[in-house]
Amino acid sequence: SLHILLKPESGEETKLNINYICPEREQMYAAQEMFKTANKVTRPEKALILGFMAGSRENPCQEQGDIIQIKLSEHTEDLPKADGTGSTTMLVDTVFEMNYATGEWTRFKKYKPITNVS
């Protein structure tokens, strides 16, 4: 928490306690962790994500609406088949979604079956 010392004219000290978790540091750390495994995100996209996490609400892609999705990474995962017979390889996209209307962001995975190219 952040302590602010106020010194009024009377000379008495008033201590003001403000619960303040440094959002910049926490979010920069979260973003760096996220970018470590990101193999699809571009530099401008990283800048956009960092700006959003730091509080910027200036949407550069207004024609796309309030919700912007950026693909962070793409990899394959072997997942067990629903019927229990072995596993199937899926293409997994990790997506960062920013909502410029609410200021909220989320990360989620999109699974796609890999189509065999003959």
PDB file of N, CA and C in Angstrom:
ATOM      1  N   SER A   1       0.840  -1.190   0.000  1.00  0.00           N
ATOM      2  CA  SER A   1       0.000   0.000   0.000  1.00  0.00           C
ATOM      3  C   SER A   1       0.877   1.242   0.000  1.00  0.00           C
ATOM      4  N   LEU A   2       0.317   2.317  -0.451  1.00  0.00           N
ATOM      5  CA  LEU A   2       1.031   3.562  -0.634  1.00  0.00           C
ATOM      6  C   LEU A   2       0.739   4.462   0.562  1.00  0.00           C
ATOM      7  N   HIS A   3       1.754   5.031   1.170  1.00  0.00           N
ATOM      8  CA  HIS A   3       1.550   5.938   2.297  1.00  0.00           C
ATOM      9  C   HIS A   3       1.847   7.358   1.843  1.00  0.00           C
ATOM     10  N   ILE A   4       0.871   8.225   2.028  1.00  0.00           N
ATOM     11  CA  ILE A   4       1.062   9.630   1.675  1.00  0.00           C
ATOM     12  C   ILE A   4       1.037  10.412   2.984  1.00  0.00           C
ATOM     13  N   LEU A   5       2.073  11.188   3.201  1.00  0.00           N
ATOM     14  CA  LEU A   5       2.162  11.989   4.414  1.00  0.00           C
ATOM     15  C   LEU A   5       1.702  13.410   4.109  1.00  0.00           C
ATOM     16  N   LEU A   6       0.617  13.818   4.760  1.00  0.00           N
ATOM     17  CA  LEU A   6       0.120  15.180   4.565  1.00  0.00           C
ATOM     18  C   LEU A   6       0.530  16.017   5.763  1.00  0.00           C
ATOM     19  N   LYS A   7       1.126  17.195   5.515  1.00  0.00           N
ATOM     20  CA  LYS A   7       1.520  18.068   6.620  1.00  0.00           C
ATOM     21  C   LYS A   7       0.672  19.335   6.556  1.00  0.00           C
ATOM     22  N   PRO A   8      -0.415  19.337   7.317  1.00  0.00           N
ATOM     23  CA  PRO A   8      -1.230  20.550   7.340  1.00  0.00           C
ATOM     24  C   PRO A   8      -0.491  21.686   8.041  1.00  0.00           C
ATOM     25  N   GLU A   9      -1.025  22.895   7.911  1.00  0.00           N
ATOM     26  CA  GLU A   9      -0.387  24.084   8.474  1.00  0.00           C
ATOM     27  C   GLU A   9      -0.139  23.922   9.978  1.00  0.00           C
ATOM     28  N   SER A  10      -1.007  23.188  10.670  1.00  0.00           N
ATOM     29  CA  SER A  10      -0.897  23.047  12.121  1.00  0.00           C
ATOM     30  C   SER A  10       0.356  22.285  12.539  1.00  0.00           C
ATOM     31  N   GLY A  11       0.986  21.603  11.572  1.00  0.00           N
ATOM     32  CA  GLY A  11       2.194  20.870  11.898  1.00  0.00           C
ATOM     33  C   GLY A  11       1.911  19.416  12.250  1.00  0.00           C
ATOM     34  N   GLU A  12       0.616  19.078  12.427  1.00  0.00           N
ATOM     35  CA  GLU A  12       0.281  17.689  12.715  1.00  0.00           C
ATOM     36  C   GLU A  12       0.384  16.874  11.430  1.00  0.00           C
ATOM     37  N   GLU A  13       0.891  15.673  11.568  1.00  0.00           N
ATOM     38  CA  GLU A  13       0.999  14.814  10.399  1.00  0.00           C
ATOM     39  C   GLU A  13      -0.245  13.936  10.287  1.00  0.00           C
ATOM     40  N   THR A  14      -0.780  13.877   9.102  1.00  0.00           N
ATOM     41  CA  THR A  14      -1.922  13.005   8.850  1.00  0.00           C
ATOM     42  C   THR A  14      -1.456  11.943   7.872  1.00  0.00           C
ATOM     43  N   LYS A  15      -1.653  10.687   8.249  1.00  0.00           N
ATOM     44  CA  LYS A  15      -1.221   9.603   7.378  1.00  0.00           C
ATOM     45  C   LYS A  15      -2.422   9.109   6.572  1.00  0.00           C
ATOM     46  N   LEU A  16      -2.258   9.066   5.288  1.00  0.00           N
ATOM     47  CA  LEU A  16      -3.333   8.613   4.420  1.00  0.00           C
ATOM     48  C   LEU A  16      -2.929   7.260   3.839  1.00  0.00           C
ATOM     49  N   ASN A  17      -3.682   6.247   4.162  1.00  0.00           N
ATOM     50  CA  ASN A  17      -3.393   4.918   3.632  1.00  0.00           C
ATOM     51  C   ASN A  17      -4.237   4.660   2.385  1.00  0.00           C
ATOM     52  N   ILE A  18      -3.576   4.354   1.308  1.00  0.00           N
ATOM     53  CA  ILE A  18      -4.288   4.028   0.074  1.00  0.00           C
ATOM     54  C   ILE A  18      -3.834   2.648  -0.355  1.00  0.00           C
ATOM     55  N   ASN A  19      -4.782   1.734  -0.484  1.00  0.00           N
ATOM     56  CA  ASN A  19      -4.421   0.407  -0.980  1.00  0.00           C
ATOM     57  C   ASN A  19      -4.121   0.549  -2.457  1.00  0.00           C
ATOM     58  N   TYR A  20      -2.883   0.320  -2.797  1.00  0.00           N
ATOM     59  CA  TYR A  20      -2.436   0.592  -4.165  1.00  0.00           C
ATOM     60  C   TYR A  20      -1.462  -0.473  -4.588  1.00  0.00           C
ATOM     61  N   ILE A  21      -1.909  -1.361  -5.454  1.00  0.00           N
ATOM     62  CA  ILE A  21      -1.000  -2.352  -6.021  1.00  0.00           C
ATOM     63  C   ILE A  21      -0.515  -1.754  -7.328  1.00  0.00           C
ATOM     64  N   CYS A  22       0.759  -1.700  -7.504  1.00  0.00           N
ATOM     65  CA  CYS A  22       1.304  -1.070  -8.698  1.00  0.00           C
ATOM     66  C   CYS A  22       0.824  -1.814  -9.947  1.00  0.00           C
ATOM     67  N   PRO A  23      -0.178  -1.281 -10.651  1.00  0.00           N
ATOM     68  CA  PRO A  23      -0.720  -2.015 -11.788  1.00  0.00           C
ATOM     69  C   PRO A  23       0.274  -2.115 -12.938  1.00  0.00           C
ATOM     70  N   GLU A  24       1.076  -1.082 -13.095  1.00  0.00           N
ATOM     71  CA  GLU A  24       2.032  -1.098 -14.201  1.00  0.00           C
ATOM     72  C   GLU A  24       2.990  -2.279 -14.074  1.00  0.00           C
ATOM     73  N   ARG A  25       3.569  -2.442 -12.878  1.00  0.00           N
ATOM     74  CA  ARG A  25       4.553  -3.490 -12.687  1.00  0.00           C
ATOM     75  C   ARG A  25       3.914  -4.875 -12.812  1.00  0.00           C
ATOM     76  N   GLU A  26       2.742  -5.036 -12.162  1.00  0.00           N
ATOM     77  CA  GLU A  26       2.045  -6.330 -12.211  1.00  0.00           C
ATOM     78  C   GLU A  26       1.699  -6.680 -13.657  1.00  0.00           C
ATOM     79  N   GLN A  27       1.170  -5.697 -14.380  1.00  0.00           N
ATOM     80  CA  GLN A  27       0.714  -5.957 -15.740  1.00  0.00           C
ATOM     81  C   GLN A  27       1.869  -6.135 -16.707  1.00  0.00           C
ATOM     82  N   MET A  28       2.954  -5.410 -16.480  1.00  0.00           N
ATOM     83  CA  MET A  28       4.123  -5.586 -17.333  1.00  0.00           C
ATOM     84  C   MET A  28       4.662  -7.002 -17.167  1.00  0.00           C
ATOM     85  N   TYR A  29       4.647  -7.485 -15.913  1.00  0.00           N
ATOM     86  CA  TYR A  29       5.117  -8.841 -15.650  1.00  0.00           C
ATOM     87  C   TYR A  29       4.198  -9.859 -16.326  1.00  0.00           C
ATOM     88  N   ALA A  30       2.894  -9.650 -16.187  1.00  0.00           N
ATOM     89  CA  ALA A  30       1.911 -10.549 -16.797  1.00  0.00           C
ATOM     90  C   ALA A  30       2.085 -10.559 -18.317  1.00  0.00           C
ATOM     91  N   ALA A  31       2.306  -9.385 -18.889  1.00  0.00           N
ATOM     92  CA  ALA A  31       2.464  -9.275 -20.336  1.00  0.00           C
ATOM     93  C   ALA A  31       3.745  -9.957 -20.800  1.00  0.00           C
ATOM     94  N   GLN A  32       4.832  -9.763 -20.045  1.00  0.00           N
ATOM     95  CA  GLN A  32       6.103 -10.394 -20.415  1.00  0.00           C
ATOM     96  C   GLN A  32       5.989 -11.905 -20.369  1.00  0.00           C
ATOM     97  N   GLU A  33       5.292 -12.436 -19.356  1.00  0.00           N
ATOM     98  CA  GLU A  33       5.082 -13.879 -19.249  1.00  0.00           C
ATOM     99  C   GLU A  33       4.283 -14.375 -20.448  1.00  0.00           C
ATOM    100  N   MET A  34       3.279 -13.593 -20.808  1.00  0.00           N
ATOM    101  CA  MET A  34       2.394 -13.945 -21.914  1.00  0.00           C
ATOM    102  C   MET A  34       3.159 -13.927 -23.248  1.00  0.00           C
ATOM    103  N   PHE A  35       4.026 -12.943 -23.416  1.00  0.00           N
ATOM    104  CA  PHE A  35       4.758 -12.803 -24.681  1.00  0.00           C
ATOM    105  C   PHE A  35       5.871 -13.844 -24.829  1.00  0.00           C
ATOM    106  N   LYS A  36       6.292 -14.446 -23.700  1.00  0.00           N
ATOM    107  CA  LYS A  36       7.349 -15.455 -23.749  1.00  0.00           C
ATOM    108  C   LYS A  36       6.991 -16.606 -24.675  1.00  0.00           C
ATOM    109  N   THR A  37       5.716 -16.995 -24.642  1.00  0.00           N
ATOM    110  CA  THR A  37       5.274 -18.145 -25.438  1.00  0.00           C
ATOM    111  C   THR A  37       4.540 -17.715 -26.713  1.00  0.00           C
ATOM    112  N   ALA A  38       4.439 -16.403 -26.919  1.00  0.00           N
ATOM    113  CA  ALA A  38       3.701 -15.900 -28.081  1.00  0.00           C
ATOM    114  C   ALA A  38       4.580 -15.986 -29.335  1.00  0.00           C
ATOM    115  N   ASN A  39       4.157 -16.791 -30.303  1.00  0.00           N
ATOM    116  CA  ASN A  39       4.961 -16.922 -31.521  1.00  0.00           C
ATOM    117  C   ASN A  39       4.277 -16.316 -32.743  1.00  0.00           C
ATOM    118  N   LYS A  40       3.119 -15.676 -32.537  1.00  0.00           N
ATOM    119  CA  LYS A  40       2.384 -15.098 -33.665  1.00  0.00           C
ATOM    120  C   LYS A  40       2.152 -13.600 -33.539  1.00  0.00           C
ATOM    121  N   VAL A  41       2.415 -13.045 -32.376  1.00  0.00           N
ATOM    122  CA  VAL A  41       2.106 -11.636 -32.133  1.00  0.00           C
ATOM    123  C   VAL A  41       3.190 -10.735 -32.735  1.00  0.00           C
ATOM    124  N   THR A  42       2.769  -9.633 -33.362  1.00  0.00           N
ATOM    125  CA  THR A  42       3.711  -8.696 -33.984  1.00  0.00           C
ATOM    126  C   THR A  42       4.070  -7.592 -32.989  1.00  0.00           C
ATOM    127  N   ARG A  43       5.114  -6.848 -33.308  1.00  0.00           N
ATOM    128  CA  ARG A  43       5.518  -5.745 -32.423  1.00  0.00           C
ATOM    129  C   ARG A  43       4.409  -4.706 -32.241  1.00  0.00           C
ATOM    130  N   PRO A  44       3.742  -4.282 -33.339  1.00  0.00           N
ATOM    131  CA  PRO A  44       2.646  -3.318 -33.149  1.00  0.00           C
ATOM    132  C   PRO A  44       1.513  -3.887 -32.282  1.00  0.00           C
ATOM    133  N   GLU A  45       1.259  -5.193 -32.424  1.00  0.00           N
ATOM    134  CA  GLU A  45       0.218  -5.824 -31.606  1.00  0.00           C
ATOM    135  C   GLU A  45       0.627  -5.856 -30.138  1.00  0.00           C
ATOM    136  N   LYS A  46       1.908  -6.137 -29.881  1.00  0.00           N
ATOM    137  CA  LYS A  46       2.411  -6.124 -28.500  1.00  0.00           C
ATOM    138  C   LYS A  46       2.233  -4.738 -27.903  1.00  0.00           C
ATOM    139  N   ALA A  47       2.554  -3.719 -28.682  1.00  0.00           N
ATOM    140  CA  ALA A  47       2.431  -2.330 -28.211  1.00  0.00           C
ATOM    141  C   ALA A  47       0.975  -2.011 -27.888  1.00  0.00           C
ATOM    142  N   LEU A  48       0.070  -2.522 -28.727  1.00  0.00           N
ATOM    143  CA  LEU A  48      -1.368  -2.308 -28.529  1.00  0.00           C
ATOM    144  C   LEU A  48      -1.833  -2.963 -27.230  1.00  0.00           C
ATOM    145  N   ILE A  49      -1.388  -4.202 -27.004  1.00  0.00           N
ATOM    146  CA  ILE A  49      -1.765  -4.946 -25.801  1.00  0.00           C
ATOM    147  C   ILE A  49      -1.217  -4.249 -24.561  1.00  0.00           C
ATOM    148  N   LEU A  50       0.072  -3.858 -24.603  1.00  0.00           N
ATOM    149  CA  LEU A  50       0.685  -3.182 -23.451  1.00  0.00           C
ATOM    150  C   LEU A  50      -0.022  -1.862 -23.158  1.00  0.00           C
ATOM    151  N   GLY A  51      -0.347  -1.131 -24.215  1.00  0.00           N
ATOM    152  CA  GLY A  51      -1.064   0.138 -24.051  1.00  0.00           C
ATOM    153  C   GLY A  51      -2.417  -0.080 -23.390  1.00  0.00           C
ATOM    154  N   PHE A  52      -3.122  -1.106 -23.863  1.00  0.00           N
ATOM    155  CA  PHE A  52      -4.447  -1.415 -23.313  1.00  0.00           C
ATOM    156  C   PHE A  52      -4.343  -1.801 -21.841  1.00  0.00           C
ATOM    157  N   MET A  53      -3.360  -2.659 -21.518  1.00  0.00           N
ATOM    158  CA  MET A  53      -3.187  -3.097 -20.134  1.00  0.00           C
ATOM    159  C   MET A  53      -2.803  -1.928 -19.231  1.00  0.00           C
ATOM    160  N   ALA A  54      -2.152  -0.932 -19.816  1.00  0.00           N
ATOM    161  CA  ALA A  54      -1.728   0.244 -19.030  1.00  0.00           C
ATOM    162  C   ALA A  54      -2.851   1.277 -18.919  1.00  0.00           C
ATOM    163  N   GLY A  55      -3.978   1.014 -19.601  1.00  0.00           N
ATOM    164  CA  GLY A  55      -5.123   1.919 -19.431  1.00  0.00           C
ATOM    165  C   GLY A  55      -5.541   2.697 -20.655  1.00  0.00           C
ATOM    166  N   SER A  56      -4.837   2.523 -21.768  1.00  0.00           N
ATOM    167  CA  SER A  56      -5.212   3.252 -22.983  1.00  0.00           C
ATOM    168  C   SER A  56      -6.526   2.697 -23.534  1.00  0.00           C
ATOM    169  N   ARG A  57      -7.464   3.579 -23.836  1.00  0.00           N
ATOM    170  CA  ARG A  57      -8.755   3.139 -24.376  1.00  0.00           C
ATOM    171  C   ARG A  57      -8.977   3.709 -25.777  1.00  0.00           C
ATOM    172  N   GLU A  58      -7.874   4.054 -26.431  1.00  0.00           N
ATOM    173  CA  GLU A  58      -7.962   4.584 -27.794  1.00  0.00           C
ATOM    174  C   GLU A  58      -7.914   3.409 -28.764  1.00  0.00           C
ATOM    175  N   ASN A  59      -9.054   3.077 -29.322  1.00  0.00           N
ATOM    176  CA  ASN A  59      -9.166   1.920 -30.205  1.00  0.00           C
ATOM    177  C   ASN A  59      -8.695   2.275 -31.613  1.00  0.00           C
ATOM    178  N   PRO A  60      -7.586   1.704 -32.060  1.00  0.00           N
ATOM    179  CA  PRO A  60      -7.064   2.027 -33.395  1.00  0.00           C
ATOM    180  C   PRO A  60      -7.821   1.301 -34.506  1.00  0.00           C
ATOM    181  N   CYS A  61      -8.647   0.332 -34.129  1.00  0.00           N
ATOM    182  CA  CYS A  61      -9.379  -0.460 -35.130  1.00  0.00           C
ATOM    183  C   CYS A  61     -10.876  -0.324 -34.904  1.00  0.00           C
ATOM    184  N   GLN A  62     -11.360   0.923 -34.881  1.00  0.00           N
ATOM    185  CA  GLN A  62     -12.762   1.165 -34.542  1.00  0.00           C
ATOM    186  C   GLN A  62     -13.736   0.508 -35.516  1.00  0.00           C
ATOM    187  N   GLU A  63     -13.280   0.305 -36.753  1.00  0.00           N
ATOM    188  CA  GLU A  63     -14.165  -0.333 -37.738  1.00  0.00           C
ATOM    189  C   GLU A  63     -14.459  -1.781 -37.357  1.00  0.00           C
ATOM    190  N   GLN A  64     -13.633  -2.356 -36.478  1.00  0.00           N
ATOM    191  CA  GLN A  64     -13.845  -3.736 -36.031  1.00  0.00           C
ATOM    192  C   GLN A  64     -14.735  -3.806 -34.788  1.00  0.00           C
ATOM    193  N   GLY A  65     -15.122  -2.659 -34.273  1.00  0.00           N
ATOM    194  CA  GLY A  65     -15.964  -2.643 -33.076  1.00  0.00           C
ATOM    195  C   GLY A  65     -15.147  -2.507 -31.801  1.00  0.00           C
ATOM    196  N   ASP A  66     -15.831  -2.693 -30.653  1.00  0.00           N
ATOM    197  CA  ASP A  66     -15.204  -2.489 -29.335  1.00  0.00           C
ATOM    198  C   ASP A  66     -14.293  -3.639 -28.932  1.00  0.00           C
ATOM    199  N   ILE A  67     -14.551  -4.826 -29.487  1.00  0.00           N
ATOM    200  CA  ILE A  67     -13.790  -6.002 -29.059  1.00  0.00           C
ATOM    201  C   ILE A  67     -12.770  -6.383 -30.123  1.00  0.00           C
ATOM    202  N   ILE A  68     -11.496  -6.326 -29.736  1.00  0.00           N
ATOM    203  CA  ILE A  68     -10.392  -6.631 -30.651  1.00  0.00           C
ATOM    204  C   ILE A  68      -9.708  -7.906 -30.185  1.00  0.00           C
ATOM    205  N   GLN A  69      -9.499  -8.832 -31.107  1.00  0.00           N
ATOM    206  CA  GLN A  69      -8.804 -10.071 -30.783  1.00  0.00           C
ATOM    207  C   GLN A  69      -7.462 -10.103 -31.499  1.00  0.00           C
ATOM    208  N   ILE A  70      -6.425 -10.494 -30.764  1.00  0.00           N
ATOM    209  CA  ILE A  70      -5.079 -10.619 -31.323  1.00  0.00           C
ATOM    210  C   ILE A  70      -4.594 -12.038 -31.055  1.00  0.00           C
ATOM    211  N   LYS A  71      -4.135 -12.703 -32.117  1.00  0.00           N
ATOM    212  CA  LYS A  71      -3.609 -14.060 -31.941  1.00  0.00           C
ATOM    213  C   LYS A  71      -2.204 -13.959 -31.359  1.00  0.00           C
ATOM    214  N   LEU A  72      -2.036 -14.553 -30.173  1.00  0.00           N
ATOM    215  CA  LEU A  72      -0.732 -14.535 -29.507  1.00  0.00           C
ATOM    216  C   LEU A  72       0.155 -15.653 -30.014  1.00  0.00           C
ATOM    217  N   SER A  73      -0.398 -16.856 -30.045  1.00  0.00           N
ATOM    218  CA  SER A  73       0.426 -17.985 -30.429  1.00  0.00           C
ATOM    219  C   SER A  73      -0.399 -19.050 -31.117  1.00  0.00           C
ATOM    220  N   GLU A  74       0.328 -19.931 -31.774  1.00  0.00           N
ATOM    221  CA  GLU A  74      -0.293 -21.045 -32.459  1.00  0.00           C
ATOM    222  C   GLU A  74       0.606 -22.254 -32.243  1.00  0.00           C
ATOM    223  N   HIS A  75       0.033 -23.340 -31.768  1.00  0.00           N
ATOM    224  CA  HIS A  75       0.804 -24.566 -31.611  1.00  0.00           C
ATOM    225  C   HIS A  75      -0.138 -25.756 -31.710  1.00  0.00           C
ATOM    226  N   THR A  76       0.415 -26.937 -31.672  1.00  0.00           N
ATOM    227  CA  THR A  76      -0.427 -28.132 -31.735  1.00  0.00           C
ATOM    228  C   THR A  76      -0.430 -28.832 -30.385  1.00  0.00           C
ATOM    229  N   GLU A  77      -1.547 -29.467 -30.092  1.00  0.00           N
ATOM    230  CA  GLU A  77      -1.696 -30.222 -28.850  1.00  0.00           C
ATOM    231  C   GLU A  77      -2.340 -31.554 -29.178  1.00  0.00           C
ATOM    232  N   ASP A  78      -1.868 -32.613 -28.531  1.00  0.00           N
ATOM    233  CA  ASP A  78      -2.510 -33.919 -28.664  1.00  0.00           C
ATOM    234  C   ASP A  78      -3.551 -34.044 -27.568  1.00  0.00           C
ATOM    235  N   LEU A  79      -4.800 -34.160 -27.988  1.00  0.00           N
ATOM    236  CA  LEU A  79      -5.894 -34.258 -27.025  1.00  0.00           C
ATOM    237  C   LEU A  79      -6.585 -35.609 -27.159  1.00  0.00           C
ATOM    238  N   PRO A  80      -7.020 -36.181 -26.019  1.00  0.00           N
ATOM    239  CA  PRO A  80      -7.715 -37.467 -26.103  1.00  0.00           C
ATOM    240  C   PRO A  80      -9.034 -37.313 -26.865  1.00  0.00           C
ATOM    241  N   LYS A  81      -9.347 -38.301 -27.683  1.00  0.00           N
ATOM    242  CA  LYS A  81     -10.598 -38.267 -28.429  1.00  0.00           C
ATOM    243  C   LYS A  81     -11.766 -38.464 -27.484  1.00  0.00           C
ATOM    244  N   ALA A  82     -12.910 -37.876 -27.853  1.00  0.00           N
ATOM    245  CA  ALA A  82     -14.108 -37.928 -27.012  1.00  0.00           C
ATOM    246  C   ALA A  82     -14.560 -39.372 -26.767  1.00  0.00           C
ATOM    247  N   ASP A  83     -14.369 -40.246 -27.775  1.00  0.00           N
ATOM    248  CA  ASP A  83     -14.833 -41.628 -27.618  1.00  0.00           C
ATOM    249  C   ASP A  83     -13.808 -42.526 -26.900  1.00  0.00           C
ATOM    250  N   GLY A  84     -12.688 -41.911 -26.480  1.00  0.00           N
ATOM    251  CA  GLY A  84     -11.712 -42.662 -25.703  1.00  0.00           C
ATOM    252  C   GLY A  84     -10.742 -43.497 -26.522  1.00  0.00           C
ATOM    253  N   THR A  85     -10.829 -43.419 -27.858  1.00  0.00           N
ATOM    254  CA  THR A  85      -9.916 -44.209 -28.697  1.00  0.00           C
ATOM    255  C   THR A  85      -8.731 -43.358 -29.127  1.00  0.00           C
ATOM    256  N   GLY A  86      -7.684 -43.377 -28.326  1.00  0.00           N
ATOM    257  CA  GLY A  86      -6.461 -42.654 -28.696  1.00  0.00           C
ATOM    258  C   GLY A  86      -6.586 -41.154 -28.569  1.00  0.00           C
ATOM    259  N   SER A  87      -5.768 -40.457 -29.346  1.00  0.00           N
ATOM    260  CA  SER A  87      -5.773 -38.994 -29.269  1.00  0.00           C
ATOM    261  C   SER A  87      -5.801 -38.408 -30.668  1.00  0.00           C
ATOM    262  N   THR A  88      -6.123 -37.125 -30.715  1.00  0.00           N
ATOM    263  CA  THR A  88      -6.141 -36.420 -31.986  1.00  0.00           C
ATOM    264  C   THR A  88      -5.329 -35.138 -31.835  1.00  0.00           C
ATOM    265  N   THR A  89      -4.632 -34.751 -32.883  1.00  0.00           N
ATOM    266  CA  THR A  89      -3.815 -33.535 -32.828  1.00  0.00           C
ATOM    267  C   THR A  89      -4.669 -32.344 -33.244  1.00  0.00           C
ATOM    268  N   MET A  90      -4.693 -31.342 -32.382  1.00  0.00           N
ATOM    269  CA  MET A  90      -5.476 -30.131 -32.654  1.00  0.00           C
ATOM    270  C   MET A  90      -4.541 -28.941 -32.800  1.00  0.00           C
ATOM    271  N   LEU A  91      -4.970 -27.978 -33.603  1.00  0.00           N
ATOM    272  CA  LEU A  91      -4.264 -26.713 -33.732  1.00  0.00           C
ATOM    273  C   LEU A  91      -4.832 -25.796 -32.659  1.00  0.00           C
ATOM    274  N   VAL A  92      -3.962 -25.229 -31.833  1.00  0.00           N
ATOM    275  CA  VAL A  92      -4.419 -24.401 -30.725  1.00  0.00           C
ATOM    276  C   VAL A  92      -3.940 -22.962 -30.918  1.00  0.00           C
ATOM    277  N   ASP A  93      -4.886 -22.044 -30.998  1.00  0.00           N
ATOM    278  CA  ASP A  93      -4.573 -20.617 -31.052  1.00  0.00           C
ATOM    279  C   ASP A  93      -4.831 -20.020 -29.675  1.00  0.00           C
ATOM    280  N   THR A  94      -3.855 -19.287 -29.148  1.00  0.00           N
ATOM    281  CA  THR A  94      -4.095 -18.535 -27.920  1.00  0.00           C
ATOM    282  C   THR A  94      -4.404 -17.104 -28.343  1.00  0.00           C
ATOM    283  N   VAL A  95      -5.553 -16.607 -27.890  1.00  0.00           N
ATOM    284  CA  VAL A  95      -6.057 -15.310 -28.336  1.00  0.00           C
ATOM    285  C   VAL A  95      -6.146 -14.348 -27.155  1.00  0.00           C
ATOM    286  N   PHE A  96      -5.720 -13.104 -27.383  1.00  0.00           N
ATOM    287  CA  PHE A  96      -5.852 -12.026 -26.392  1.00  0.00           C
ATOM    288  C   PHE A  96      -7.004 -11.151 -26.857  1.00  0.00           C
ATOM    289  N   GLU A  97      -8.003 -10.987 -26.000  1.00  0.00           N
ATOM    290  CA  GLU A  97      -9.170 -10.192 -26.383  1.00  0.00           C
ATOM    291  C   GLU A  97      -9.276  -8.963 -25.502  1.00  0.00           C
ATOM    292  N   MET A  98      -9.389  -7.806 -26.162  1.00  0.00           N
ATOM    293  CA  MET A  98      -9.513  -6.532 -25.452  1.00  0.00           C
ATOM    294  C   MET A  98     -10.886  -5.955 -25.732  1.00  0.00           C
ATOM    295  N   ASN A  99     -11.558  -5.515 -24.678  1.00  0.00           N
ATOM    296  CA  ASN A  99     -12.847  -4.866 -24.848  1.00  0.00           C
ATOM    297  C   ASN A  99     -12.671  -3.380 -24.524  1.00  0.00           C
ATOM    298  N   TYR A 100     -12.677  -2.565 -25.582  1.00  0.00           N
ATOM    299  CA  TYR A 100     -12.442  -1.125 -25.398  1.00  0.00           C
ATOM    300  C   TYR A 100     -13.622  -0.432 -24.729  1.00  0.00           C
ATOM    301  N   ALA A 101     -14.804  -1.080 -24.738  1.00  0.00           N
ATOM    302  CA  ALA A 101     -15.982  -0.477 -24.098  1.00  0.00           C
ATOM    303  C   ALA A 101     -15.925  -0.637 -22.583  1.00  0.00           C
ATOM    304  N   THR A 102     -15.444  -1.818 -22.119  1.00  0.00           N
ATOM    305  CA  THR A 102     -15.438  -2.092 -20.677  1.00  0.00           C
ATOM    306  C   THR A 102     -14.058  -1.962 -20.046  1.00  0.00           C
ATOM    307  N   GLY A 103     -13.000  -1.982 -20.887  1.00  0.00           N
ATOM    308  CA  GLY A 103     -11.645  -1.931 -20.345  1.00  0.00           C
ATOM    309  C   GLY A 103     -11.155  -3.275 -19.862  1.00  0.00           C
ATOM    310  N   GLU A 104     -11.917  -4.339 -20.128  1.00  0.00           N
ATOM    311  CA  GLU A 104     -11.520  -5.661 -19.673  1.00  0.00           C
ATOM    312  C   GLU A 104     -10.784  -6.416 -20.766  1.00  0.00           C
ATOM    313  N   TRP A 105      -9.903  -7.322 -20.330  1.00  0.00           N
ATOM    314  CA  TRP A 105      -9.205  -8.167 -21.292  1.00  0.00           C
ATOM    315  C   TRP A 105      -9.221  -9.601 -20.799  1.00  0.00           C
ATOM    316  N   THR A 106      -9.108 -10.513 -21.731  1.00  0.00           N
ATOM    317  CA  THR A 106      -9.099 -11.924 -21.388  1.00  0.00           C
ATOM    318  C   THR A 106      -8.228 -12.673 -22.371  1.00  0.00           C
ATOM    319  N   ARG A 107      -7.814 -13.857 -21.967  1.00  0.00           N
ATOM    320  CA  ARG A 107      -7.039 -14.736 -22.835  1.00  0.00           C
ATOM    321  C   ARG A 107      -7.773 -16.060 -22.941  1.00  0.00           C
ATOM    322  N   PHE A 108      -7.862 -16.600 -24.114  1.00  0.00           N
ATOM    323  CA  PHE A 108      -8.504 -17.906 -24.246  1.00  0.00           C
ATOM    324  C   PHE A 108      -7.883 -18.677 -25.396  1.00  0.00           C
ATOM    325  N   LYS A 109      -8.193 -19.971 -25.435  1.00  0.00           N
ATOM    326  CA  LYS A 109      -7.652 -20.838 -26.480  1.00  0.00           C
ATOM    327  C   LYS A 109      -8.762 -21.241 -27.442  1.00  0.00           C
ATOM    328  N   LYS A 110      -8.411 -21.283 -28.719  1.00  0.00           N
ATOM    329  CA  LYS A 110      -9.321 -21.768 -29.759  1.00  0.00           C
ATOM    330  C   LYS A 110      -8.739 -23.060 -30.285  1.00  0.00           C
ATOM    331  N   TYR A 111      -9.534 -24.098 -30.295  1.00  0.00           N
ATOM    332  CA  TYR A 111      -9.076 -25.392 -30.794  1.00  0.00           C
ATOM    333  C   TYR A 111      -9.669 -25.663 -32.173  1.00  0.00           C
ATOM    334  N   LYS A 112      -8.811 -26.059 -33.088  1.00  0.00           N
ATOM    335  CA  LYS A 112      -9.258 -26.411 -34.441  1.00  0.00           C
ATOM    336  C   LYS A 112      -8.652 -27.760 -34.825  1.00  0.00           C
ATOM    337  N   PRO A 113      -9.474 -28.626 -35.443  1.00  0.00           N
ATOM    338  CA  PRO A 113      -8.890 -29.881 -35.926  1.00  0.00           C
ATOM    339  C   PRO A 113      -7.916 -29.583 -37.064  1.00  0.00           C
ATOM    340  N   ILE A 114      -6.822 -30.334 -37.100  1.00  0.00           N
ATOM    341  CA  ILE A 114      -5.859 -30.145 -38.188  1.00  0.00           C
ATOM    342  C   ILE A 114      -6.371 -30.927 -39.385  1.00  0.00           C
ATOM    343  N   THR A 115      -6.570 -30.194 -40.467  1.00  0.00           N
ATOM    344  CA  THR A 115      -7.029 -30.878 -41.682  1.00  0.00           C
ATOM    345  C   THR A 115      -5.812 -31.388 -42.430  1.00  0.00           C
ATOM    346  N   ASN A 116      -5.818 -32.659 -42.723  1.00  0.00           N
ATOM    347  CA  ASN A 116      -4.687 -33.260 -43.425  1.00  0.00           C
ATOM    348  C   ASN A 116      -4.668 -32.790 -44.870  1.00  0.00           C
ATOM    349  N   VAL A 117      -3.580 -32.141 -45.227  1.00  0.00           N
ATOM    350  CA  VAL A 117      -3.425 -31.660 -46.601  1.00  0.00           C
ATOM    351  C   VAL A 117      -2.801 -32.789 -47.413  1.00  0.00           C
ATOM    352  N   SER A 118      -3.566 -33.275 -48.406  1.00  0.00           N
ATOM    353  CA  SER A 118      -3.049 -34.415 -49.190  1.00  0.00           C
ATOM    354  C   SER A 118      -2.248 -33.945 -50.385  1.00  0.00           C
TER     355      SER A 118
END
